[in-house]
């Protein structure tokens, strides 16, 4: 409806992968 694409869920998933802050 708004014609928008969001990466929020993917970014949140990467936040659970124990990456360094630089890699995140």
PDBML (XML) file of the C-alpha atoms, coordinates in Angstrom:
<?xml version="1.0" encoding="UTF-8" ?>
<PDBx:datablock datablockName="MODEL"
   xmlns:PDBx="http://pdbml.pdb.org/schema/pdbx-v50.xsd"
   xmlns:xsi="http://www.w3.org/2001/XMLSchema-instance"
   xsi:schemaLocation="http://pdbml.pdb.org/schema/pdbx-v50.xsd pdbx-v50.xsd">
   <PDBx:atom_siteCategory>
      <PDBx:atom_site id="1">
         <PDBx:B_iso_or_equiv>0.00</PDBx:B_iso_or_equiv>
         <PDBx:Cartn_x>0.000</PDBx:Cartn_x>
         <PDBx:Cartn_y>0.000</PDBx:Cartn_y>
         <PDBx:Cartn_z>0.000</PDBx:Cartn_z>
         <PDBx:auth_asym_id>A</PDBx:auth_asym_id>
         <PDBx:auth_atom_id>CA</PDBx:auth_atom_id>
         <PDBx:auth_comp_id>UNK</PDBx:auth_comp_id>
         <PDBx:auth_seq_id>1</PDBx:auth_seq_id>
         <PDBx:group_PDB>ATOM</PDBx:group_PDB>
         <PDBx:label_alt_id xsi:nil="true" />
         <PDBx:label_asym_id>A</PDBx:label_asym_id>
         <PDBx:label_atom_id>CA</PDBx:label_atom_id>
         <PDBx:label_comp_id>UNK</PDBx:label_comp_id>
         <PDBx:label_entity_id>1</PDBx:label_entity_id>
         <PDBx:label_seq_id>1</PDBx:label_seq_id>
         <PDBx:occupancy>1.00</PDBx:occupancy>
         <PDBx:pdbx_PDB_model_num>1</PDBx:pdbx_PDB_model_num>
         <PDBx:type_symbol>C</PDBx:type_symbol>
      </PDBx:atom_site>
      <PDBx:atom_site id="2">
         <PDBx:B_iso_or_equiv>0.00</PDBx:B_iso_or_equiv>
         <PDBx:Cartn_x>2.784</PDBx:Cartn_x>
         <PDBx:Cartn_y>2.432</PDBx:Cartn_y>
         <PDBx:Cartn_z>0.916</PDBx:Cartn_z>
         <PDBx:auth_asym_id>A</PDBx:auth_asym_id>
         <PDBx:auth_atom_id>CA</PDBx:auth_atom_id>
         <PDBx:auth_comp_id>UNK</PDBx:auth_comp_id>
         <PDBx:auth_seq_id>2</PDBx:auth_seq_id>
         <PDBx:group_PDB>ATOM</PDBx:group_PDB>
         <PDBx:label_alt_id xsi:nil="true" />
         <PDBx:label_asym_id>A</PDBx:label_asym_id>
         <PDBx:label_atom_id>CA</PDBx:label_atom_id>
         <PDBx:label_comp_id>UNK</PDBx:label_comp_id>
         <PDBx:label_entity_id>1</PDBx:label_entity_id>
         <PDBx:label_seq_id>2</PDBx:label_seq_id>
         <PDBx:occupancy>1.00</PDBx:occupancy>
         <PDBx:pdbx_PDB_model_num>1</PDBx:pdbx_PDB_model_num>
         <PDBx:type_symbol>C</PDBx:type_symbol>
      </PDBx:atom_site>
      <PDBx:atom_site id="3">
         <PDBx:B_iso_or_equiv>0.00</PDBx:B_iso_or_equiv>
         <PDBx:Cartn_x>5.164</PDBx:Cartn_x>
         <PDBx:Cartn_y>1.014</PDBx:Cartn_y>
         <PDBx:Cartn_z>-1.741</PDBx:Cartn_z>
         <PDBx:auth_asym_id>A</PDBx:auth_asym_id>
         <PDBx:auth_atom_id>CA</PDBx:auth_atom_id>
         <PDBx:auth_comp_id>UNK</PDBx:auth_comp_id>
         <PDBx:auth_seq_id>3</PDBx:auth_seq_id>
         <PDBx:group_PDB>ATOM</PDBx:group_PDB>
         <PDBx:label_alt_id xsi:nil="true" />
         <PDBx:label_asym_id>A</PDBx:label_asym_id>
         <PDBx:label_atom_id>CA</PDBx:label_atom_id>
         <PDBx:label_comp_id>UNK</PDBx:label_comp_id>
         <PDBx:label_entity_id>1</PDBx:label_entity_id>
         <PDBx:label_seq_id>3</PDBx:label_seq_id>
         <PDBx:occupancy>1.00</PDBx:occupancy>
         <PDBx:pdbx_PDB_model_num>1</PDBx:pdbx_PDB_model_num>
         <PDBx:type_symbol>C</PDBx:type_symbol>
      </PDBx:atom_site>
      <PDBx:atom_site id="4">
         <PDBx:B_iso_or_equiv>0.00</PDBx:B_iso_or_equiv>
         <PDBx:Cartn_x>7.945</PDBx:Cartn_x>
         <PDBx:Cartn_y>0.584</PDBx:Cartn_y>
         <PDBx:Cartn_z>0.803</PDBx:Cartn_z>
         <PDBx:auth_asym_id>A</PDBx:auth_asym_id>
         <PDBx:auth_atom_id>CA</PDBx:auth_atom_id>
         <PDBx:auth_comp_id>UNK</PDBx:auth_comp_id>
         <PDBx:auth_seq_id>4</PDBx:auth_seq_id>
         <PDBx:group_PDB>ATOM</PDBx:group_PDB>
         <PDBx:label_alt_id xsi:nil="true" />
         <PDBx:label_asym_id>A</PDBx:label_asym_id>
         <PDBx:label_atom_id>CA</PDBx:label_atom_id>
         <PDBx:label_comp_id>UNK</PDBx:label_comp_id>
         <PDBx:label_entity_id>1</PDBx:label_entity_id>
         <PDBx:label_seq_id>4</PDBx:label_seq_id>
         <PDBx:occupancy>1.00</PDBx:occupancy>
         <PDBx:pdbx_PDB_model_num>1</PDBx:pdbx_PDB_model_num>
         <PDBx:type_symbol>C</PDBx:type_symbol>
      </PDBx:atom_site>
      <PDBx:atom_site id="5">
         <PDBx:B_iso_or_equiv>0.00</PDBx:B_iso_or_equiv>
         <PDBx:Cartn_x>10.592</PDBx:Cartn_x>
         <PDBx:Cartn_y>-2.101</PDBx:Cartn_y>
         <PDBx:Cartn_z>1.357</PDBx:Cartn_z>
         <PDBx:auth_asym_id>A</PDBx:auth_asym_id>
         <PDBx:auth_atom_id>CA</PDBx:auth_atom_id>
         <PDBx:auth_comp_id>UNK</PDBx:auth_comp_id>
         <PDBx:auth_seq_id>5</PDBx:auth_seq_id>
         <PDBx:group_PDB>ATOM</PDBx:group_PDB>
         <PDBx:label_alt_id xsi:nil="true" />
         <PDBx:label_asym_id>A</PDBx:label_asym_id>
         <PDBx:label_atom_id>CA</PDBx:label_atom_id>
         <PDBx:label_comp_id>UNK</PDBx:label_comp_id>
         <PDBx:label_entity_id>1</PDBx:label_entity_id>
         <PDBx:label_seq_id>5</PDBx:label_seq_id>
         <PDBx:occupancy>1.00</PDBx:occupancy>
         <PDBx:pdbx_PDB_model_num>1</PDBx:pdbx_PDB_model_num>
         <PDBx:type_symbol>C</PDBx:type_symbol>
      </PDBx:atom_site>
      <PDBx:atom_site id="6">
         <PDBx:B_iso_or_equiv>0.00</PDBx:B_iso_or_equiv>
         <PDBx:Cartn_x>12.030</PDBx:Cartn_x>
         <PDBx:Cartn_y>-2.536</PDBx:Cartn_y>
         <PDBx:Cartn_z>4.863</PDBx:Cartn_z>
         <PDBx:auth_asym_id>A</PDBx:auth_asym_id>
         <PDBx:auth_atom_id>CA</PDBx:auth_atom_id>
         <PDBx:auth_comp_id>UNK</PDBx:auth_comp_id>
         <PDBx:auth_seq_id>6</PDBx:auth_seq_id>
         <PDBx:group_PDB>ATOM</PDBx:group_PDB>
         <PDBx:label_alt_id xsi:nil="true" />
         <PDBx:label_asym_id>A</PDBx:label_asym_id>
         <PDBx:label_atom_id>CA</PDBx:label_atom_id>
         <PDBx:label_comp_id>UNK</PDBx:label_comp_id>
         <PDBx:label_entity_id>1</PDBx:label_entity_id>
         <PDBx:label_seq_id>6</PDBx:label_seq_id>
         <PDBx:occupancy>1.00</PDBx:occupancy>
         <PDBx:pdbx_PDB_model_num>1</PDBx:pdbx_PDB_model_num>
         <PDBx:type_symbol>C</PDBx:type_symbol>
      </PDBx:atom_site>
      <PDBx:atom_site id="7">
         <PDBx:B_iso_or_equiv>0.00</PDBx:B_iso_or_equiv>
         <PDBx:Cartn_x>15.110</PDBx:Cartn_x>
         <PDBx:Cartn_y>-4.405</PDBx:Cartn_y>
         <PDBx:Cartn_z>6.072</PDBx:Cartn_z>
         <PDBx:auth_asym_id>A</PDBx:auth_asym_id>
         <PDBx:auth_atom_id>CA</PDBx:auth_atom_id>
         <PDBx:auth_comp_id>UNK</PDBx:auth_comp_id>
         <PDBx:auth_seq_id>7</PDBx:auth_seq_id>
         <PDBx:group_PDB>ATOM</PDBx:group_PDB>
         <PDBx:label_alt_id xsi:nil="true" />
         <PDBx:label_asym_id>A</PDBx:label_asym_id>
         <PDBx:label_atom_id>CA</PDBx:label_atom_id>
         <PDBx:label_comp_id>UNK</PDBx:label_comp_id>
         <PDBx:label_entity_id>1</PDBx:label_entity_id>
         <PDBx:label_seq_id>7</PDBx:label_seq_id>
         <PDBx:occupancy>1.00</PDBx:occupancy>
         <PDBx:pdbx_PDB_model_num>1</PDBx:pdbx_PDB_model_num>
         <PDBx:type_symbol>C</PDBx:type_symbol>
      </PDBx:atom_site>
      <PDBx:atom_site id="8">
         <PDBx:B_iso_or_equiv>0.00</PDBx:B_iso_or_equiv>
         <PDBx:Cartn_x>14.135</PDBx:Cartn_x>
         <PDBx:Cartn_y>-4.141</PDBx:Cartn_y>
         <PDBx:Cartn_z>9.753</PDBx:Cartn_z>
         <PDBx:auth_asym_id>A</PDBx:auth_asym_id>
         <PDBx:auth_atom_id>CA</PDBx:auth_atom_id>
         <PDBx:auth_comp_id>UNK</PDBx:auth_comp_id>
         <PDBx:auth_seq_id>8</PDBx:auth_seq_id>
         <PDBx:group_PDB>ATOM</PDBx:group_PDB>
         <PDBx:label_alt_id xsi:nil="true" />
         <PDBx:label_asym_id>A</PDBx:label_asym_id>
         <PDBx:label_atom_id>CA</PDBx:label_atom_id>
         <PDBx:label_comp_id>UNK</PDBx:label_comp_id>
         <PDBx:label_entity_id>1</PDBx:label_entity_id>
         <PDBx:label_seq_id>8</PDBx:label_seq_id>
         <PDBx:occupancy>1.00</PDBx:occupancy>
         <PDBx:pdbx_PDB_model_num>1</PDBx:pdbx_PDB_model_num>
         <PDBx:type_symbol>C</PDBx:type_symbol>
      </PDBx:atom_site>
      <PDBx:atom_site id="9">
         <PDBx:B_iso_or_equiv>0.00</PDBx:B_iso_or_equiv>
         <PDBx:Cartn_x>13.464</PDBx:Cartn_x>
         <PDBx:Cartn_y>-7.863</PDBx:Cartn_y>
         <PDBx:Cartn_z>10.328</PDBx:Cartn_z>
         <PDBx:auth_asym_id>A</PDBx:auth_asym_id>
         <PDBx:auth_atom_id>CA</PDBx:auth_atom_id>
         <PDBx:auth_comp_id>UNK</PDBx:auth_comp_id>
         <PDBx:auth_seq_id>9</PDBx:auth_seq_id>
         <PDBx:group_PDB>ATOM</PDBx:group_PDB>
         <PDBx:label_alt_id xsi:nil="true" />
         <PDBx:label_asym_id>A</PDBx:label_asym_id>
         <PDBx:label_atom_id>CA</PDBx:label_atom_id>
         <PDBx:label_comp_id>UNK</PDBx:label_comp_id>
         <PDBx:label_entity_id>1</PDBx:label_entity_id>
         <PDBx:label_seq_id>9</PDBx:label_seq_id>
         <PDBx:occupancy>1.00</PDBx:occupancy>
         <PDBx:pdbx_PDB_model_num>1</PDBx:pdbx_PDB_model_num>
         <PDBx:type_symbol>C</PDBx:type_symbol>
      </PDBx:atom_site>
      <PDBx:atom_site id="10">
         <PDBx:B_iso_or_equiv>0.00</PDBx:B_iso_or_equiv>
         <PDBx:Cartn_x>16.649</PDBx:Cartn_x>
         <PDBx:Cartn_y>-8.937</PDBx:Cartn_y>
         <PDBx:Cartn_z>8.535</PDBx:Cartn_z>
         <PDBx:auth_asym_id>A</PDBx:auth_asym_id>
         <PDBx:auth_atom_id>CA</PDBx:auth_atom_id>
         <PDBx:auth_comp_id>UNK</PDBx:auth_comp_id>
         <PDBx:auth_seq_id>10</PDBx:auth_seq_id>
         <PDBx:group_PDB>ATOM</PDBx:group_PDB>
         <PDBx:label_alt_id xsi:nil="true" />
         <PDBx:label_asym_id>A</PDBx:label_asym_id>
         <PDBx:label_atom_id>CA</PDBx:label_atom_id>
         <PDBx:label_comp_id>UNK</PDBx:label_comp_id>
         <PDBx:label_entity_id>1</PDBx:label_entity_id>
         <PDBx:label_seq_id>10</PDBx:label_seq_id>
         <PDBx:occupancy>1.00</PDBx:occupancy>
         <PDBx:pdbx_PDB_model_num>1</PDBx:pdbx_PDB_model_num>
         <PDBx:type_symbol>C</PDBx:type_symbol>
      </PDBx:atom_site>
      <PDBx:atom_site id="11">
         <PDBx:B_iso_or_equiv>0.00</PDBx:B_iso_or_equiv>
         <PDBx:Cartn_x>18.726</PDBx:Cartn_x>
         <PDBx:Cartn_y>-6.444</PDBx:Cartn_y>
         <PDBx:Cartn_z>10.527</PDBx:Cartn_z>
         <PDBx:auth_asym_id>A</PDBx:auth_asym_id>
         <PDBx:auth_atom_id>CA</PDBx:auth_atom_id>
         <PDBx:auth_comp_id>UNK</PDBx:auth_comp_id>
         <PDBx:auth_seq_id>11</PDBx:auth_seq_id>
         <PDBx:group_PDB>ATOM</PDBx:group_PDB>
         <PDBx:label_alt_id xsi:nil="true" />
         <PDBx:label_asym_id>A</PDBx:label_asym_id>
         <PDBx:label_atom_id>CA</PDBx:label_atom_id>
         <PDBx:label_comp_id>UNK</PDBx:label_comp_id>
         <PDBx:label_entity_id>1</PDBx:label_entity_id>
         <PDBx:label_seq_id>11</PDBx:label_seq_id>
         <PDBx:occupancy>1.00</PDBx:occupancy>
         <PDBx:pdbx_PDB_model_num>1</PDBx:pdbx_PDB_model_num>
         <PDBx:type_symbol>C</PDBx:type_symbol>
      </PDBx:atom_site>
      <PDBx:atom_site id="12">
         <PDBx:B_iso_or_equiv>0.00</PDBx:B_iso_or_equiv>
         <PDBx:Cartn_x>17.118</PDBx:Cartn_x>
         <PDBx:Cartn_y>-7.674</PDBx:Cartn_y>
         <PDBx:Cartn_z>13.764</PDBx:Cartn_z>
         <PDBx:auth_asym_id>A</PDBx:auth_asym_id>
         <PDBx:auth_atom_id>CA</PDBx:auth_atom_id>
         <PDBx:auth_comp_id>UNK</PDBx:auth_comp_id>
         <PDBx:auth_seq_id>12</PDBx:auth_seq_id>
         <PDBx:group_PDB>ATOM</PDBx:group_PDB>
         <PDBx:label_alt_id xsi:nil="true" />
         <PDBx:label_asym_id>A</PDBx:label_asym_id>
         <PDBx:label_atom_id>CA</PDBx:label_atom_id>
         <PDBx:label_comp_id>UNK</PDBx:label_comp_id>
         <PDBx:label_entity_id>1</PDBx:label_entity_id>
         <PDBx:label_seq_id>12</PDBx:label_seq_id>
         <PDBx:occupancy>1.00</PDBx:occupancy>
         <PDBx:pdbx_PDB_model_num>1</PDBx:pdbx_PDB_model_num>
         <PDBx:type_symbol>C</PDBx:type_symbol>
      </PDBx:atom_site>
      <PDBx:atom_site id="13">
         <PDBx:B_iso_or_equiv>0.00</PDBx:B_iso_or_equiv>
         <PDBx:Cartn_x>18.000</PDBx:Cartn_x>
         <PDBx:Cartn_y>-11.256</PDBx:Cartn_y>
         <PDBx:Cartn_z>12.768</PDBx:Cartn_z>
         <PDBx:auth_asym_id>A</PDBx:auth_asym_id>
         <PDBx:auth_atom_id>CA</PDBx:auth_atom_id>
         <PDBx:auth_comp_id>UNK</PDBx:auth_comp_id>
         <PDBx:auth_seq_id>13</PDBx:auth_seq_id>
         <PDBx:group_PDB>ATOM</PDBx:group_PDB>
         <PDBx:label_alt_id xsi:nil="true" />
         <PDBx:label_asym_id>A</PDBx:label_asym_id>
         <PDBx:label_atom_id>CA</PDBx:label_atom_id>
         <PDBx:label_comp_id>UNK</PDBx:label_comp_id>
         <PDBx:label_entity_id>1</PDBx:label_entity_id>
         <PDBx:label_seq_id>13</PDBx:label_seq_id>
         <PDBx:occupancy>1.00</PDBx:occupancy>
         <PDBx:pdbx_PDB_model_num>1</PDBx:pdbx_PDB_model_num>
         <PDBx:type_symbol>C</PDBx:type_symbol>
      </PDBx:atom_site>
      <PDBx:atom_site id="14">
         <PDBx:B_iso_or_equiv>0.00</PDBx:B_iso_or_equiv>
         <PDBx:Cartn_x>21.627</PDBx:Cartn_x>
         <PDBx:Cartn_y>-10.302</PDBx:Cartn_y>
         <PDBx:Cartn_z>12.173</PDBx:Cartn_z>
         <PDBx:auth_asym_id>A</PDBx:auth_asym_id>
         <PDBx:auth_atom_id>CA</PDBx:auth_atom_id>
         <PDBx:auth_comp_id>UNK</PDBx:auth_comp_id>
         <PDBx:auth_seq_id>14</PDBx:auth_seq_id>
         <PDBx:group_PDB>ATOM</PDBx:group_PDB>
         <PDBx:label_alt_id xsi:nil="true" />
         <PDBx:label_asym_id>A</PDBx:label_asym_id>
         <PDBx:label_atom_id>CA</PDBx:label_atom_id>
         <PDBx:label_comp_id>UNK</PDBx:label_comp_id>
         <PDBx:label_entity_id>1</PDBx:label_entity_id>
         <PDBx:label_seq_id>14</PDBx:label_seq_id>
         <PDBx:occupancy>1.00</PDBx:occupancy>
         <PDBx:pdbx_PDB_model_num>1</PDBx:pdbx_PDB_model_num>
         <PDBx:type_symbol>C</PDBx:type_symbol>
      </PDBx:atom_site>
      <PDBx:atom_site id="15">
         <PDBx:B_iso_or_equiv>0.00</PDBx:B_iso_or_equiv>
         <PDBx:Cartn_x>21.591</PDBx:Cartn_x>
         <PDBx:Cartn_y>-8.813</PDBx:Cartn_y>
         <PDBx:Cartn_z>15.659</PDBx:Cartn_z>
         <PDBx:auth_asym_id>A</PDBx:auth_asym_id>
         <PDBx:auth_atom_id>CA</PDBx:auth_atom_id>
         <PDBx:auth_comp_id>UNK</PDBx:auth_comp_id>
         <PDBx:auth_seq_id>15</PDBx:auth_seq_id>
         <PDBx:group_PDB>ATOM</PDBx:group_PDB>
         <PDBx:label_alt_id xsi:nil="true" />
         <PDBx:label_asym_id>A</PDBx:label_asym_id>
         <PDBx:label_atom_id>CA</PDBx:label_atom_id>
         <PDBx:label_comp_id>UNK</PDBx:label_comp_id>
         <PDBx:label_entity_id>1</PDBx:label_entity_id>
         <PDBx:label_seq_id>15</PDBx:label_seq_id>
         <PDBx:occupancy>1.00</PDBx:occupancy>
         <PDBx:pdbx_PDB_model_num>1</PDBx:pdbx_PDB_model_num>
         <PDBx:type_symbol>C</PDBx:type_symbol>
      </PDBx:atom_site>
      <PDBx:atom_site id="16">
         <PDBx:B_iso_or_equiv>0.00</PDBx:B_iso_or_equiv>
         <PDBx:Cartn_x>21.072</PDBx:Cartn_x>
         <PDBx:Cartn_y>-12.320</PDBx:Cartn_y>
         <PDBx:Cartn_z>17.077</PDBx:Cartn_z>
         <PDBx:auth_asym_id>A</PDBx:auth_asym_id>
         <PDBx:auth_atom_id>CA</PDBx:auth_atom_id>
         <PDBx:auth_comp_id>UNK</PDBx:auth_comp_id>
         <PDBx:auth_seq_id>16</PDBx:auth_seq_id>
         <PDBx:group_PDB>ATOM</PDBx:group_PDB>
         <PDBx:label_alt_id xsi:nil="true" />
         <PDBx:label_asym_id>A</PDBx:label_asym_id>
         <PDBx:label_atom_id>CA</PDBx:label_atom_id>
         <PDBx:label_comp_id>UNK</PDBx:label_comp_id>
         <PDBx:label_entity_id>1</PDBx:label_entity_id>
         <PDBx:label_seq_id>16</PDBx:label_seq_id>
         <PDBx:occupancy>1.00</PDBx:occupancy>
         <PDBx:pdbx_PDB_model_num>1</PDBx:pdbx_PDB_model_num>
         <PDBx:type_symbol>C</PDBx:type_symbol>
      </PDBx:atom_site>
      <PDBx:atom_site id="17">
         <PDBx:B_iso_or_equiv>0.00</PDBx:B_iso_or_equiv>
         <PDBx:Cartn_x>24.078</PDBx:Cartn_x>
         <PDBx:Cartn_y>-13.797</PDBx:Cartn_y>
         <PDBx:Cartn_z>15.284</PDBx:Cartn_z>
         <PDBx:auth_asym_id>A</PDBx:auth_asym_id>
         <PDBx:auth_atom_id>CA</PDBx:auth_atom_id>
         <PDBx:auth_comp_id>UNK</PDBx:auth_comp_id>
         <PDBx:auth_seq_id>17</PDBx:auth_seq_id>
         <PDBx:group_PDB>ATOM</PDBx:group_PDB>
         <PDBx:label_alt_id xsi:nil="true" />
         <PDBx:label_asym_id>A</PDBx:label_asym_id>
         <PDBx:label_atom_id>CA</PDBx:label_atom_id>
         <PDBx:label_comp_id>UNK</PDBx:label_comp_id>
         <PDBx:label_entity_id>1</PDBx:label_entity_id>
         <PDBx:label_seq_id>17</PDBx:label_seq_id>
         <PDBx:occupancy>1.00</PDBx:occupancy>
         <PDBx:pdbx_PDB_model_num>1</PDBx:pdbx_PDB_model_num>
         <PDBx:type_symbol>C</PDBx:type_symbol>
      </PDBx:atom_site>
      <PDBx:atom_site id="18">
         <PDBx:B_iso_or_equiv>0.00</PDBx:B_iso_or_equiv>
         <PDBx:Cartn_x>26.732</PDBx:Cartn_x>
         <PDBx:Cartn_y>-12.674</PDBx:Cartn_y>
         <PDBx:Cartn_z>17.794</PDBx:Cartn_z>
         <PDBx:auth_asym_id>A</PDBx:auth_asym_id>
         <PDBx:auth_atom_id>CA</PDBx:auth_atom_id>
         <PDBx:auth_comp_id>UNK</PDBx:auth_comp_id>
         <PDBx:auth_seq_id>18</PDBx:auth_seq_id>
         <PDBx:group_PDB>ATOM</PDBx:group_PDB>
         <PDBx:label_alt_id xsi:nil="true" />
         <PDBx:label_asym_id>A</PDBx:label_asym_id>
         <PDBx:label_atom_id>CA</PDBx:label_atom_id>
         <PDBx:label_comp_id>UNK</PDBx:label_comp_id>
         <PDBx:label_entity_id>1</PDBx:label_entity_id>
         <PDBx:label_seq_id>18</PDBx:label_seq_id>
         <PDBx:occupancy>1.00</PDBx:occupancy>
         <PDBx:pdbx_PDB_model_num>1</PDBx:pdbx_PDB_model_num>
         <PDBx:type_symbol>C</PDBx:type_symbol>
      </PDBx:atom_site>
      <PDBx:atom_site id="19">
         <PDBx:B_iso_or_equiv>0.00</PDBx:B_iso_or_equiv>
         <PDBx:Cartn_x>28.524</PDBx:Cartn_x>
         <PDBx:Cartn_y>-10.412</PDBx:Cartn_y>
         <PDBx:Cartn_z>15.320</PDBx:Cartn_z>
         <PDBx:auth_asym_id>A</PDBx:auth_asym_id>
         <PDBx:auth_atom_id>CA</PDBx:auth_atom_id>
         <PDBx:auth_comp_id>UNK</PDBx:auth_comp_id>
         <PDBx:auth_seq_id>19</PDBx:auth_seq_id>
         <PDBx:group_PDB>ATOM</PDBx:group_PDB>
         <PDBx:label_alt_id xsi:nil="true" />
         <PDBx:label_asym_id>A</PDBx:label_asym_id>
         <PDBx:label_atom_id>CA</PDBx:label_atom_id>
         <PDBx:label_comp_id>UNK</PDBx:label_comp_id>
         <PDBx:label_entity_id>1</PDBx:label_entity_id>
         <PDBx:label_seq_id>19</PDBx:label_seq_id>
         <PDBx:occupancy>1.00</PDBx:occupancy>
         <PDBx:pdbx_PDB_model_num>1</PDBx:pdbx_PDB_model_num>
         <PDBx:type_symbol>C</PDBx:type_symbol>
      </PDBx:atom_site>
      <PDBx:atom_site id="20">
         <PDBx:B_iso_or_equiv>0.00</PDBx:B_iso_or_equiv>
         <PDBx:Cartn_x>31.032</PDBx:Cartn_x>
         <PDBx:Cartn_y>-7.788</PDBx:Cartn_y>
         <PDBx:Cartn_z>16.311</PDBx:Cartn_z>
         <PDBx:auth_asym_id>A</PDBx:auth_asym_id>
         <PDBx:auth_atom_id>CA</PDBx:auth_atom_id>
         <PDBx:auth_comp_id>UNK</PDBx:auth_comp_id>
         <PDBx:auth_seq_id>20</PDBx:auth_seq_id>
         <PDBx:group_PDB>ATOM</PDBx:group_PDB>
         <PDBx:label_alt_id xsi:nil="true" />
         <PDBx:label_asym_id>A</PDBx:label_asym_id>
         <PDBx:label_atom_id>CA</PDBx:label_atom_id>
         <PDBx:label_comp_id>UNK</PDBx:label_comp_id>
         <PDBx:label_entity_id>1</PDBx:label_entity_id>
         <PDBx:label_seq_id>20</PDBx:label_seq_id>
         <PDBx:occupancy>1.00</PDBx:occupancy>
         <PDBx:pdbx_PDB_model_num>1</PDBx:pdbx_PDB_model_num>
         <PDBx:type_symbol>C</PDBx:type_symbol>
      </PDBx:atom_site>
      <PDBx:atom_site id="21">
         <PDBx:B_iso_or_equiv>0.00</PDBx:B_iso_or_equiv>
         <PDBx:Cartn_x>29.653</PDBx:Cartn_x>
         <PDBx:Cartn_y>-4.258</PDBx:Cartn_y>
         <PDBx:Cartn_z>16.311</PDBx:Cartn_z>
         <PDBx:auth_asym_id>A</PDBx:auth_asym_id>
         <PDBx:auth_atom_id>CA</PDBx:auth_atom_id>
         <PDBx:auth_comp_id>UNK</PDBx:auth_comp_id>
         <PDBx:auth_seq_id>21</PDBx:auth_seq_id>
         <PDBx:group_PDB>ATOM</PDBx:group_PDB>
         <PDBx:label_alt_id xsi:nil="true" />
         <PDBx:label_asym_id>A</PDBx:label_asym_id>
         <PDBx:label_atom_id>CA</PDBx:label_atom_id>
         <PDBx:label_comp_id>UNK</PDBx:label_comp_id>
         <PDBx:label_entity_id>1</PDBx:label_entity_id>
         <PDBx:label_seq_id>21</PDBx:label_seq_id>
         <PDBx:occupancy>1.00</PDBx:occupancy>
         <PDBx:pdbx_PDB_model_num>1</PDBx:pdbx_PDB_model_num>
         <PDBx:type_symbol>C</PDBx:type_symbol>
      </PDBx:atom_site>
      <PDBx:atom_site id="22">
         <PDBx:B_iso_or_equiv>0.00</PDBx:B_iso_or_equiv>
         <PDBx:Cartn_x>31.697</PDBx:Cartn_x>
         <PDBx:Cartn_y>-3.466</PDBx:Cartn_y>
         <PDBx:Cartn_z>13.226</PDBx:Cartn_z>
         <PDBx:auth_asym_id>A</PDBx:auth_asym_id>
         <PDBx:auth_atom_id>CA</PDBx:auth_atom_id>
         <PDBx:auth_comp_id>UNK</PDBx:auth_comp_id>
         <PDBx:auth_seq_id>22</PDBx:auth_seq_id>
         <PDBx:group_PDB>ATOM</PDBx:group_PDB>
         <PDBx:label_alt_id xsi:nil="true" />
         <PDBx:label_asym_id>A</PDBx:label_asym_id>
         <PDBx:label_atom_id>CA</PDBx:label_atom_id>
         <PDBx:label_comp_id>UNK</PDBx:label_comp_id>
         <PDBx:label_entity_id>1</PDBx:label_entity_id>
         <PDBx:label_seq_id>22</PDBx:label_seq_id>
         <PDBx:occupancy>1.00</PDBx:occupancy>
         <PDBx:pdbx_PDB_model_num>1</PDBx:pdbx_PDB_model_num>
         <PDBx:type_symbol>C</PDBx:type_symbol>
      </PDBx:atom_site>
      <PDBx:atom_site id="23">
         <PDBx:B_iso_or_equiv>0.00</PDBx:B_iso_or_equiv>
         <PDBx:Cartn_x>30.296</PDBx:Cartn_x>
         <PDBx:Cartn_y>-6.483</PDBx:Cartn_y>
         <PDBx:Cartn_z>11.344</PDBx:Cartn_z>
         <PDBx:auth_asym_id>A</PDBx:auth_asym_id>
         <PDBx:auth_atom_id>CA</PDBx:auth_atom_id>
         <PDBx:auth_comp_id>UNK</PDBx:auth_comp_id>
         <PDBx:auth_seq_id>23</PDBx:auth_seq_id>
         <PDBx:group_PDB>ATOM</PDBx:group_PDB>
         <PDBx:label_alt_id xsi:nil="true" />
         <PDBx:label_asym_id>A</PDBx:label_asym_id>
         <PDBx:label_atom_id>CA</PDBx:label_atom_id>
         <PDBx:label_comp_id>UNK</PDBx:label_comp_id>
         <PDBx:label_entity_id>1</PDBx:label_entity_id>
         <PDBx:label_seq_id>23</PDBx:label_seq_id>
         <PDBx:occupancy>1.00</PDBx:occupancy>
         <PDBx:pdbx_PDB_model_num>1</PDBx:pdbx_PDB_model_num>
         <PDBx:type_symbol>C</PDBx:type_symbol>
      </PDBx:atom_site>
      <PDBx:atom_site id="24">
         <PDBx:B_iso_or_equiv>0.00</PDBx:B_iso_or_equiv>
         <PDBx:Cartn_x>26.728</PDBx:Cartn_x>
         <PDBx:Cartn_y>-5.719</PDBx:Cartn_y>
         <PDBx:Cartn_z>12.504</PDBx:Cartn_z>
         <PDBx:auth_asym_id>A</PDBx:auth_asym_id>
         <PDBx:auth_atom_id>CA</PDBx:auth_atom_id>
         <PDBx:auth_comp_id>UNK</PDBx:auth_comp_id>
         <PDBx:auth_seq_id>24</PDBx:auth_seq_id>
         <PDBx:group_PDB>ATOM</PDBx:group_PDB>
         <PDBx:label_alt_id xsi:nil="true" />
         <PDBx:label_asym_id>A</PDBx:label_asym_id>
         <PDBx:label_atom_id>CA</PDBx:label_atom_id>
         <PDBx:label_comp_id>UNK</PDBx:label_comp_id>
         <PDBx:label_entity_id>1</PDBx:label_entity_id>
         <PDBx:label_seq_id>24</PDBx:label_seq_id>
         <PDBx:occupancy>1.00</PDBx:occupancy>
         <PDBx:pdbx_PDB_model_num>1</PDBx:pdbx_PDB_model_num>
         <PDBx:type_symbol>C</PDBx:type_symbol>
      </PDBx:atom_site>
   </PDBx:atom_siteCategory>
</PDBx:datablock>
